[in-house]
Amino acid sequence: MNEIKKNELGNIYGSRVSKNGNWLNLLIVTHVGGQETRITCPVRIVTDYDEAVGKKPYARLEKDCTAVIANLPVYEDRKPTEAQAKAEDSDLPF
């Protein structure tokens, strides 16, 4: 049985802050079917580090115009359960 994986490897080539200043939009490039595909992946920006600990992934902006992304889970190579999928937050900025 040949199972086709739907995960594609991409490269982060930059980021920018959203218009409302609440999100760090990661700019990702990958190749699907021989064509270059660009993806935007939003990560919430936090200013209060203590409030963000133990929650969903977040970005913290540094003074030297760099960003730190924390709380990013590392999963096994398998699909999430229905309960995990329903638990995701859907307040994306676009």
Protein backbone atom coordinates (compact mmCIF):
# COMPACT_ATOMS: atom_id res chain seq x y z
CA MET A 1 0.00 0.00 0.00
CA ASN A 2 1.60 3.26 -1.12
CA GLU A 3 0.55 6.04 1.20
CA ILE A 4 1.22 9.57 -0.02
CA LYS A 5 2.27 11.94 2.75
CA LYS A 6 0.68 15.36 2.59
CA ASN A 7 3.41 17.06 4.61
CA GLU A 8 5.83 19.06 2.49
CA LEU A 9 9.16 20.42 3.65
CA GLY A 10 9.37 24.20 3.42
CA ASN A 11 11.89 26.89 4.29
CA ILE A 12 11.22 29.98 6.37
CA TYR A 13 12.74 32.85 4.45
CA GLY A 14 11.49 35.77 6.50
CA SER A 15 8.69 37.26 8.55
CA ARG A 16 6.76 40.45 9.06
CA VAL A 17 4.50 41.85 11.74
CA SER A 18 0.79 41.99 10.87
CA LYS A 19 -0.98 45.31 10.37
CA ASN A 20 -2.60 45.12 13.82
CA GLY A 21 0.72 44.22 15.45
CA ASN A 22 -0.60 41.07 17.16
CA TRP A 23 0.87 38.45 14.82
CA LEU A 24 4.26 37.52 13.41
CA ASN A 25 3.57 36.17 9.91
CA LEU A 26 6.23 33.63 8.95
CA LEU A 27 6.84 33.54 5.20
CA ILE A 28 7.45 29.95 4.06
CA VAL A 29 8.40 28.66 0.60
CA THR A 30 8.02 25.06 -0.54
CA HIS A 31 7.77 23.20 -3.84
CA VAL A 32 4.62 21.21 -4.58
CA GLY A 33 4.34 19.36 -7.86
CA GLY A 34 7.39 21.18 -9.21
CA GLN A 35 5.90 24.62 -8.56
CA GLU A 36 7.03 27.08 -5.92
CA THR A 37 4.34 27.62 -3.28
CA ARG A 38 4.41 30.44 -0.72
CA ILE A 39 2.68 30.00 2.64
CA THR A 40 2.04 32.48 5.45
CA CYS A 41 2.00 31.02 8.95
CA PRO A 42 0.80 33.37 11.73
CA VAL A 43 2.23 33.15 15.27
CA ARG A 44 0.77 35.32 18.06
CA ILE A 45 3.15 37.97 19.43
CA VAL A 46 3.23 38.29 23.21
CA THR A 47 4.59 41.10 25.33
CA ASP A 48 3.97 39.54 28.73
CA TYR A 49 6.24 36.48 28.87
CA ASP A 50 4.75 35.16 32.15
CA GLU A 51 1.25 35.13 30.64
CA ALA A 52 2.40 33.11 27.61
CA VAL A 53 4.20 30.30 29.45
CA GLY A 54 2.42 26.97 29.07
CA LYS A 55 0.10 28.14 26.31
CA LYS A 56 0.10 27.84 22.53
CA PRO A 57 3.13 28.74 20.40
CA TYR A 58 4.01 32.41 20.56
CA ALA A 59 6.58 34.87 19.24
CA ARG A 60 8.57 37.37 21.25
CA LEU A 61 10.19 40.28 19.39
CA GLU A 62 13.72 41.25 20.39
CA LYS A 63 15.28 44.72 20.30
CA ASP A 64 17.65 43.76 17.46
CA CYS A 65 14.71 43.08 15.04
CA THR A 66 14.78 39.33 15.54
CA ALA A 67 12.04 37.05 16.85
CA VAL A 68 12.01 34.09 19.20
CA ILE A 69 9.28 31.46 18.74
CA ALA A 70 8.52 29.36 21.82
CA ASN A 71 6.10 26.64 22.97
CA LEU A 72 6.21 24.99 19.56
CA PRO A 73 5.18 21.34 20.05
CA VAL A 74 7.06 18.53 18.34
CA TYR A 75 4.74 15.75 17.19
CA GLU A 76 5.23 12.20 16.07
CA ASP A 77 4.74 11.59 12.36
CA ARG A 78 1.02 10.78 12.63
CA LYS A 79 -2.29 12.56 12.30
CA PRO A 80 -3.79 14.33 15.35
CA THR A 81 -6.88 12.86 16.98
CA GLU A 82 -10.27 14.49 16.47
CA ALA A 83 -10.11 15.91 19.99
CA GLN A 84 -6.74 17.55 19.25
CA ALA A 85 -8.04 18.98 15.99
CA LYS A 86 -11.13 20.46 17.68
CA ALA A 87 -9.02 22.00 20.43
CA GLU A 88 -7.13 24.22 17.98
CA ASP A 89 -7.74 27.94 18.15
CA SER A 90 -9.23 29.45 15.00
CA ASP A 91 -8.77 33.20 15.57
CA LEU A 92 -6.26 33.55 12.73
CA PRO A 93 -5.60 37.04 11.37
CA PHE A 94 -6.75 36.29 7.82
